[in-house]
Amino acid sequence: MPRTGIVATTDVAEACKDVNIAVMVGGFPRKEGMERKDVMSKNVSIYKGQASALEQYAAKDVKVNLHIQKKSFRILEH
């Protein structure tokens, strides 16, 4: 049975189980002296675990909307 609403949990498996839409918000702030590649590297490490959990637990047709700092990405295929 599909879930509706928002699930607040610290368990990544529970958070991603059977979801059809995932919205991830946040990111590492760029600090003085950092190059863009440094910031992207930090953000990749932040979202890698969530992406793996979505791949493992989310619905096969999950849609992901990822907001990092001032950039917005829509990933339409799982």
PDB file of N, CA and C in Angstrom:
ATOM      1  N   MET A   1       0.852  -1.183   0.000  1.00  0.00           N
ATOM      2  CA  MET A   1       0.000   0.000   0.000  1.00  0.00           C
ATOM      3  C   MET A   1       0.890   1.237   0.000  1.00  0.00           C
ATOM      4  N   PRO A   2       0.666   2.179  -0.910  1.00  0.00           N
ATOM      5  CA  PRO A   2       1.500   3.384  -0.959  1.00  0.00           C
ATOM      6  C   PRO A   2       1.300   4.261   0.270  1.00  0.00           C
ATOM      7  N   ARG A   3       2.383   4.892   0.671  1.00  0.00           N
ATOM      8  CA  ARG A   3       2.299   5.832   1.793  1.00  0.00           C
ATOM      9  C   ARG A   3       1.992   7.216   1.247  1.00  0.00           C
ATOM     10  N   THR A   4       1.378   8.017   2.079  1.00  0.00           N
ATOM     11  CA  THR A   4       1.153   9.414   1.733  1.00  0.00           C
ATOM     12  C   THR A   4       1.649  10.263   2.882  1.00  0.00           C
ATOM     13  N   GLY A   5       1.994  11.496   2.595  1.00  0.00           N
ATOM     14  CA  GLY A   5       2.438  12.395   3.647  1.00  0.00           C
ATOM     15  C   GLY A   5       3.941  12.402   3.814  1.00  0.00           C
ATOM     16  N   ILE A   6       4.363  12.907   4.935  1.00  0.00           N
ATOM     17  CA  ILE A   6       5.774  13.061   5.253  1.00  0.00           C
ATOM     18  C   ILE A   6       6.134  12.097   6.372  1.00  0.00           C
ATOM     19  N   VAL A   7       7.261  11.433   6.230  1.00  0.00           N
ATOM     20  CA  VAL A   7       7.754  10.521   7.250  1.00  0.00           C
ATOM     21  C   VAL A   7       8.988  11.139   7.878  1.00  0.00           C
ATOM     22  N   ALA A   8       8.957  11.363   9.175  1.00  0.00           N
ATOM     23  CA  ALA A   8      10.115  11.884   9.898  1.00  0.00           C
ATOM     24  C   ALA A   8      10.777  10.720  10.617  1.00  0.00           C
ATOM     25  N   THR A   9      11.999  10.412  10.211  1.00  0.00           N
ATOM     26  CA  THR A   9      12.706   9.283  10.805  1.00  0.00           C
ATOM     27  C   THR A   9      14.201   9.461  10.613  1.00  0.00           C
ATOM     28  N   THR A  10      14.976   8.782  11.434  1.00  0.00           N
ATOM     29  CA  THR A  10      16.425   8.772  11.250  1.00  0.00           C
ATOM     30  C   THR A  10      16.865   7.474  10.573  1.00  0.00           C
ATOM     31  N   ASP A  11      15.925   6.591  10.294  1.00  0.00           N
ATOM     32  CA  ASP A  11      16.207   5.320   9.633  1.00  0.00           C
ATOM     33  C   ASP A  11      16.056   5.500   8.129  1.00  0.00           C
ATOM     34  N   VAL A  12      17.180   5.470   7.419  1.00  0.00           N
ATOM     35  CA  VAL A  12      17.165   5.745   5.985  1.00  0.00           C
ATOM     36  C   VAL A  12      16.341   4.708   5.220  1.00  0.00           C
ATOM     37  N   ALA A  13      16.327   3.464   5.653  1.00  0.00           N
ATOM     38  CA  ALA A  13      15.518   2.436   4.995  1.00  0.00           C
ATOM     39  C   ALA A  13      14.032   2.750   5.135  1.00  0.00           C
ATOM     40  N   GLU A  14      13.615   3.137   6.326  1.00  0.00           N
ATOM     41  CA  GLU A  14      12.211   3.497   6.559  1.00  0.00           C
ATOM     42  C   GLU A  14      11.829   4.741   5.760  1.00  0.00           C
ATOM     43  N   ALA A  15      12.730   5.707   5.715  1.00  0.00           N
ATOM     44  CA  ALA A  15      12.453   6.958   5.003  1.00  0.00           C
ATOM     45  C   ALA A  15      12.278   6.737   3.500  1.00  0.00           C
ATOM     46  N   CYS A  16      12.988   5.772   2.950  1.00  0.00           N
ATOM     47  CA  CYS A  16      12.984   5.561   1.505  1.00  0.00           C
ATOM     48  C   CYS A  16      12.061   4.442   1.037  1.00  0.00           C
ATOM     49  N   LYS A  17      11.519   3.675   1.958  1.00  0.00           N
ATOM     50  CA  LYS A  17      10.731   2.498   1.583  1.00  0.00           C
ATOM     51  C   LYS A  17       9.529   2.869   0.719  1.00  0.00           C
ATOM     52  N   ASP A  18       9.555   2.358  -0.510  1.00  0.00           N
ATOM     53  CA  ASP A  18       8.436   2.476  -1.459  1.00  0.00           C
ATOM     54  C   ASP A  18       8.060   3.901  -1.831  1.00  0.00           C
ATOM     55  N   VAL A  19       8.929   4.882  -1.615  1.00  0.00           N
ATOM     56  CA  VAL A  19       8.568   6.256  -1.968  1.00  0.00           C
ATOM     57  C   VAL A  19       8.538   6.425  -3.486  1.00  0.00           C
ATOM     58  N   ASN A  20       7.632   7.274  -3.942  1.00  0.00           N
ATOM     59  CA  ASN A  20       7.513   7.598  -5.359  1.00  0.00           C
ATOM     60  C   ASN A  20       8.143   8.951  -5.678  1.00  0.00           C
ATOM     61  N   ILE A  21       8.194   9.816  -4.669  1.00  0.00           N
ATOM     62  CA  ILE A  21       8.778  11.146  -4.842  1.00  0.00           C
ATOM     63  C   ILE A  21       9.693  11.413  -3.655  1.00  0.00           C
ATOM     64  N   ALA A  22      10.919  11.828  -3.956  1.00  0.00           N
ATOM     65  CA  ALA A  22      11.867  12.185  -2.900  1.00  0.00           C
ATOM     66  C   ALA A  22      12.361  13.600  -3.154  1.00  0.00           C
ATOM     67  N   VAL A  23      12.281  14.433  -2.131  1.00  0.00           N
ATOM     68  CA  VAL A  23      12.797  15.794  -2.204  1.00  0.00           C
ATOM     69  C   VAL A  23      13.905  15.900  -1.172  1.00  0.00           C
ATOM     70  N   MET A  24      15.107  16.176  -1.651  1.00  0.00           N
ATOM     71  CA  MET A  24      16.253  16.295  -0.750  1.00  0.00           C
ATOM     72  C   MET A  24      16.730  17.736  -0.789  1.00  0.00           C
ATOM     73  N   VAL A  25      16.830  18.342   0.389  1.00  0.00           N
ATOM     74  CA  VAL A  25      17.157  19.760   0.508  1.00  0.00           C
ATOM     75  C   VAL A  25      18.367  19.918   1.414  1.00  0.00           C
ATOM     76  N   GLY A  26      19.280  20.762   1.013  1.00  0.00           N
ATOM     77  CA  GLY A  26      20.433  21.039   1.865  1.00  0.00           C
ATOM     78  C   GLY A  26      21.710  21.083   1.064  1.00  0.00           C
ATOM     79  N   GLY A  27      22.794  20.953   1.756  1.00  0.00           N
ATOM     80  CA  GLY A  27      24.086  20.953   1.097  1.00  0.00           C
ATOM     81  C   GLY A  27      25.127  21.644   1.940  1.00  0.00           C
ATOM     82  N   PHE A  28      26.351  21.390   1.597  1.00  0.00           N
ATOM     83  CA  PHE A  28      27.471  21.986   2.308  1.00  0.00           C
ATOM     84  C   PHE A  28      27.668  23.412   1.827  1.00  0.00           C
ATOM     85  N   PRO A  29      27.740  24.390   2.725  1.00  0.00           N
ATOM     86  CA  PRO A  29      27.911  25.785   2.304  1.00  0.00           C
ATOM     87  C   PRO A  29      29.347  26.046   1.848  1.00  0.00           C
ATOM     88  N   ARG A  30      29.463  26.821   0.800  1.00  0.00           N
ATOM     89  CA  ARG A  30      30.786  27.199   0.300  1.00  0.00           C
ATOM     90  C   ARG A  30      31.424  28.164   1.292  1.00  0.00           C
ATOM     91  N   LYS A  31      32.645  27.843   1.685  1.00  0.00           N
ATOM     92  CA  LYS A  31      33.363  28.678   2.641  1.00  0.00           C
ATOM     93  C   LYS A  31      34.500  29.413   1.943  1.00  0.00           C
ATOM     94  N   GLU A  32      34.989  30.433   2.584  1.00  0.00           N
ATOM     95  CA  GLU A  32      36.053  31.240   2.008  1.00  0.00           C
ATOM     96  C   GLU A  32      37.239  30.356   1.630  1.00  0.00           C
ATOM     97  N   GLY A  33      37.748  30.555   0.421  1.00  0.00           N
ATOM     98  CA  GLY A  33      38.900  29.810  -0.056  1.00  0.00           C
ATOM     99  C   GLY A  33      38.563  28.494  -0.734  1.00  0.00           C
ATOM    100  N   MET A  34      37.295  28.096  -0.696  1.00  0.00           N
ATOM    101  CA  MET A  34      36.891  26.830  -1.327  1.00  0.00           C
ATOM    102  C   MET A  34      36.580  27.060  -2.796  1.00  0.00           C
ATOM    103  N   GLU A  35      36.987  26.118  -3.602  1.00  0.00           N
ATOM    104  CA  GLU A  35      36.618  26.136  -5.010  1.00  0.00           C
ATOM    105  C   GLU A  35      35.316  25.359  -5.171  1.00  0.00           C
ATOM    106  N   ARG A  36      34.647  25.567  -6.290  1.00  0.00           N
ATOM    107  CA  ARG A  36      33.371  24.872  -6.532  1.00  0.00           C
ATOM    108  C   ARG A  36      33.532  23.356  -6.465  1.00  0.00           C
ATOM    109  N   LYS A  37      34.643  22.850  -6.978  1.00  0.00           N
ATOM    110  CA  LYS A  37      34.850  21.395  -6.952  1.00  0.00           C
ATOM    111  C   LYS A  37      34.926  20.871  -5.519  1.00  0.00           C
ATOM    112  N   ASP A  38      35.453  21.692  -4.594  1.00  0.00           N
ATOM    113  CA  ASP A  38      35.511  21.286  -3.189  1.00  0.00           C
ATOM    114  C   ASP A  38      34.104  21.167  -2.603  1.00  0.00           C
ATOM    115  N   VAL A  39      33.268  22.131  -2.939  1.00  0.00           N
ATOM    116  CA  VAL A  39      31.881  22.127  -2.449  1.00  0.00           C
ATOM    117  C   VAL A  39      31.118  20.944  -3.041  1.00  0.00           C
ATOM    118  N   MET A  40      31.283  20.705  -4.346  1.00  0.00           N
ATOM    119  CA  MET A  40      30.591  19.586  -4.980  1.00  0.00           C
ATOM    120  C   MET A  40      31.029  18.257  -4.375  1.00  0.00           C
ATOM    121  N   SER A  41      32.307  18.142  -4.067  1.00  0.00           N
ATOM    122  CA  SER A  41      32.817  16.919  -3.450  1.00  0.00           C
ATOM    123  C   SER A  41      32.145  16.675  -2.097  1.00  0.00           C
ATOM    124  N   LYS A  42      32.008  17.718  -1.298  1.00  0.00           N
ATOM    125  CA  LYS A  42      31.328  17.604   0.002  1.00  0.00           C
ATOM    126  C   LYS A  42      29.870  17.194  -0.185  1.00  0.00           C
ATOM    127  N   ASN A  43      29.195  17.832  -1.164  1.00  0.00           N
ATOM    128  CA  ASN A  43      27.784  17.526  -1.390  1.00  0.00           C
ATOM    129  C   ASN A  43      27.582  16.106  -1.897  1.00  0.00           C
ATOM    130  N   VAL A  44      28.489  15.632  -2.730  1.00  0.00           N
ATOM    131  CA  VAL A  44      28.392  14.252  -3.209  1.00  0.00           C
ATOM    132  C   VAL A  44      28.443  13.291  -2.028  1.00  0.00           C
ATOM    133  N   SER A  45      29.347  13.535  -1.106  1.00  0.00           N
ATOM    134  CA  SER A  45      29.445  12.639   0.049  1.00  0.00           C
ATOM    135  C   SER A  45      28.196  12.706   0.925  1.00  0.00           C
ATOM    136  N   ILE A  46      27.580  13.865   0.997  1.00  0.00           N
ATOM    137  CA  ILE A  46      26.349  14.020   1.790  1.00  0.00           C
ATOM    138  C   ILE A  46      25.209  13.195   1.184  1.00  0.00           C
ATOM    139  N   TYR A  47      25.049  13.260  -0.134  1.00  0.00           N
ATOM    140  CA  TYR A  47      23.902  12.639  -0.784  1.00  0.00           C
ATOM    141  C   TYR A  47      24.125  11.211  -1.257  1.00  0.00           C
ATOM    142  N   LYS A  48      25.351  10.717  -1.204  1.00  0.00           N
ATOM    143  CA  LYS A  48      25.635   9.376  -1.695  1.00  0.00           C
ATOM    144  C   LYS A  48      24.846   8.307  -0.929  1.00  0.00           C
ATOM    145  N   GLY A  49      24.797   8.423   0.383  1.00  0.00           N
ATOM    146  CA  GLY A  49      24.051   7.455   1.192  1.00  0.00           C
ATOM    147  C   GLY A  49      22.567   7.471   0.903  1.00  0.00           C
ATOM    148  N   GLN A  50      22.014   8.666   0.747  1.00  0.00           N
ATOM    149  CA  GLN A  50      20.587   8.772   0.444  1.00  0.00           C
ATOM    150  C   GLN A  50      20.277   8.195  -0.935  1.00  0.00           C
ATOM    151  N   ALA A  51      21.143   8.453  -1.899  1.00  0.00           N
ATOM    152  CA  ALA A  51      20.926   7.917  -3.247  1.00  0.00           C
ATOM    153  C   ALA A  51      20.976   6.389  -3.236  1.00  0.00           C
ATOM    154  N   SER A  52      21.890   5.827  -2.484  1.00  0.00           N
ATOM    155  CA  SER A  52      21.982   4.368  -2.376  1.00  0.00           C
ATOM    156  C   SER A  52      20.730   3.788  -1.724  1.00  0.00           C
ATOM    157  N   ALA A  53      20.238   4.463  -0.696  1.00  0.00           N
ATOM    158  CA  ALA A  53      19.021   4.002  -0.026  1.00  0.00           C
ATOM    159  C   ALA A  53      17.818   4.093  -0.953  1.00  0.00           C
ATOM    160  N   LEU A  54      17.725   5.164  -1.726  1.00  0.00           N
ATOM    161  CA  LEU A  54      16.628   5.280  -2.683  1.00  0.00           C
ATOM    162  C   LEU A  54      16.697   4.157  -3.703  1.00  0.00           C
ATOM    163  N   GLU A  55      17.884   3.870  -4.177  1.00  0.00           N
ATOM    164  CA  GLU A  55      18.042   2.792  -5.153  1.00  0.00           C
ATOM    165  C   GLU A  55      17.594   1.450  -4.565  1.00  0.00           C
ATOM    166  N   GLN A  56      17.906   1.240  -3.308  1.00  0.00           N
ATOM    167  CA  GLN A  56      17.592  -0.036  -2.666  1.00  0.00           C
ATOM    168  C   GLN A  56      16.131  -0.153  -2.217  1.00  0.00           C
ATOM    169  N   TYR A  57      15.559   0.925  -1.678  1.00  0.00           N
ATOM    170  CA  TYR A  57      14.258   0.827  -1.012  1.00  0.00           C
ATOM    171  C   TYR A  57      13.096   1.530  -1.714  1.00  0.00           C
ATOM    172  N   ALA A  58      13.371   2.523  -2.535  1.00  0.00           N
ATOM    173  CA  ALA A  58      12.288   3.310  -3.140  1.00  0.00           C
ATOM    174  C   ALA A  58      11.601   2.538  -4.261  1.00  0.00           C
ATOM    175  N   ALA A  59      10.442   3.048  -4.653  1.00  0.00           N
ATOM    176  CA  ALA A  59       9.737   2.472  -5.802  1.00  0.00           C
ATOM    177  C   ALA A  59      10.644   2.579  -7.029  1.00  0.00           C
ATOM    178  N   LYS A  60      10.511   1.650  -7.928  1.00  0.00           N
ATOM    179  CA  LYS A  60      11.375   1.623  -9.114  1.00  0.00           C
ATOM    180  C   LYS A  60      11.191   2.855 -10.003  1.00  0.00           C
ATOM    181  N   ASP A  61      10.049   3.510  -9.918  1.00  0.00           N
ATOM    182  CA  ASP A  61       9.799   4.705 -10.737  1.00  0.00           C
ATOM    183  C   ASP A  61       9.923   5.999  -9.925  1.00  0.00           C
ATOM    184  N   VAL A  62      10.714   5.972  -8.859  1.00  0.00           N
ATOM    185  CA  VAL A  62      10.858   7.142  -7.985  1.00  0.00           C
ATOM    186  C   VAL A  62      11.350   8.357  -8.767  1.00  0.00           C
ATOM    187  N   LYS A  63      10.818   9.501  -8.426  1.00  0.00           N
ATOM    188  CA  LYS A  63      11.259  10.782  -8.973  1.00  0.00           C
ATOM    189  C   LYS A  63      11.976  11.520  -7.851  1.00  0.00           C
ATOM    190  N   VAL A  64      13.143  12.072  -8.142  1.00  0.00           N
ATOM    191  CA  VAL A  64      13.958  12.726  -7.128  1.00  0.00           C
ATOM    192  C   VAL A  64      14.151  14.180  -7.502  1.00  0.00           C
ATOM    193  N   ASN A  65      13.896  15.065  -6.559  1.00  0.00           N
ATOM    194  CA  ASN A  65      14.151  16.491  -6.733  1.00  0.00           C
ATOM    195  C   ASN A  65      15.189  16.869  -5.690  1.00  0.00           C
ATOM    196  N   LEU A  66      16.347  17.312  -6.147  1.00  0.00           N
ATOM    197  CA  LEU A  66      17.485  17.574  -5.278  1.00  0.00           C
ATOM    198  C   LEU A  66      17.813  19.058  -5.307  1.00  0.00           C
ATOM    199  N   HIS A  67      17.798  19.692  -4.137  1.00  0.00           N
ATOM    200  CA  HIS A  67      18.119  21.120  -4.017  1.00  0.00           C
ATOM    201  C   HIS A  67      19.392  21.260  -3.193  1.00  0.00           C
ATOM    202  N   ILE A  68      20.439  21.779  -3.827  1.00  0.00           N
ATOM    203  CA  ILE A  68      21.710  21.993  -3.140  1.00  0.00           C
ATOM    204  C   ILE A  68      22.064  23.463  -3.281  1.00  0.00           C
ATOM    205  N   GLN A  69      22.143  24.148  -2.129  1.00  0.00           N
ATOM    206  CA  GLN A  69      22.488  25.562  -2.136  1.00  0.00           C
ATOM    207  C   GLN A  69      21.627  26.303  -3.150  1.00  0.00           C
ATOM    208  N   LYS A  70      22.249  26.967  -4.110  1.00  0.00           N
ATOM    209  CA  LYS A  70      21.496  27.759  -5.086  1.00  0.00           C
ATOM    210  C   LYS A  70      21.251  26.989  -6.372  1.00  0.00           C
ATOM    211  N   LYS A  71      21.563  25.709  -6.364  1.00  0.00           N
ATOM    212  CA  LYS A  71      21.356  24.874  -7.548  1.00  0.00           C
ATOM    213  C   LYS A  71      20.175  23.952  -7.297  1.00  0.00           C
ATOM    214  N   SER A  72      19.454  23.643  -8.346  1.00  0.00           N
ATOM    215  CA  SER A  72      18.325  22.725  -8.248  1.00  0.00           C
ATOM    216  C   SER A  72      18.453  21.693  -9.358  1.00  0.00           C
ATOM    217  N   PHE A  73      18.323  20.426  -9.012  1.00  0.00           N
ATOM    218  CA  PHE A  73      18.438  19.350  -9.983  1.00  0.00           C
ATOM    219  C   PHE A  73      17.196  18.497  -9.894  1.00  0.00           C
ATOM    220  N   ARG A  74      16.694  18.096 -11.038  1.00  0.00           N
ATOM    221  CA  ARG A  74      15.603  17.132 -11.075  1.00  0.00           C
ATOM    222  C   ARG A  74      16.116  15.880 -11.757  1.00  0.00           C
ATOM    223  N   ILE A  75      16.033  14.787 -11.063  1.00  0.00           N
ATOM    224  CA  ILE A  75      16.465  13.514 -11.603  1.00  0.00           C
ATOM    225  C   ILE A  75      15.203  12.741 -11.883  1.00  0.00           C
ATOM    226  N   LEU A  76      14.909  12.536 -13.141  1.00  0.00           N
ATOM    227  CA  LEU A  76      13.606  11.998 -13.501  1.00  0.00           C
ATOM    228  C   LEU A  76      13.563  10.485 -13.616  1.00  0.00           C
ATOM    229  N   GLU A  77      14.703   9.852 -13.730  1.00  0.00           N
ATOM    230  CA  GLU A  77      14.688   8.398 -13.831  1.00  0.00           C
ATOM    231  C   GLU A  77      15.482   7.783 -12.719  1.00  0.00           C
ATOM    232  N   HIS A  78      15.017   6.697 -12.222  1.00  0.00           N
ATOM    233  CA  HIS A  78      15.666   5.966 -11.126  1.00  0.00           C
ATOM    234  C   HIS A  78      16.682   5.015 -11.711  1.00  0.00           C
TER     235      HIS A  78
END
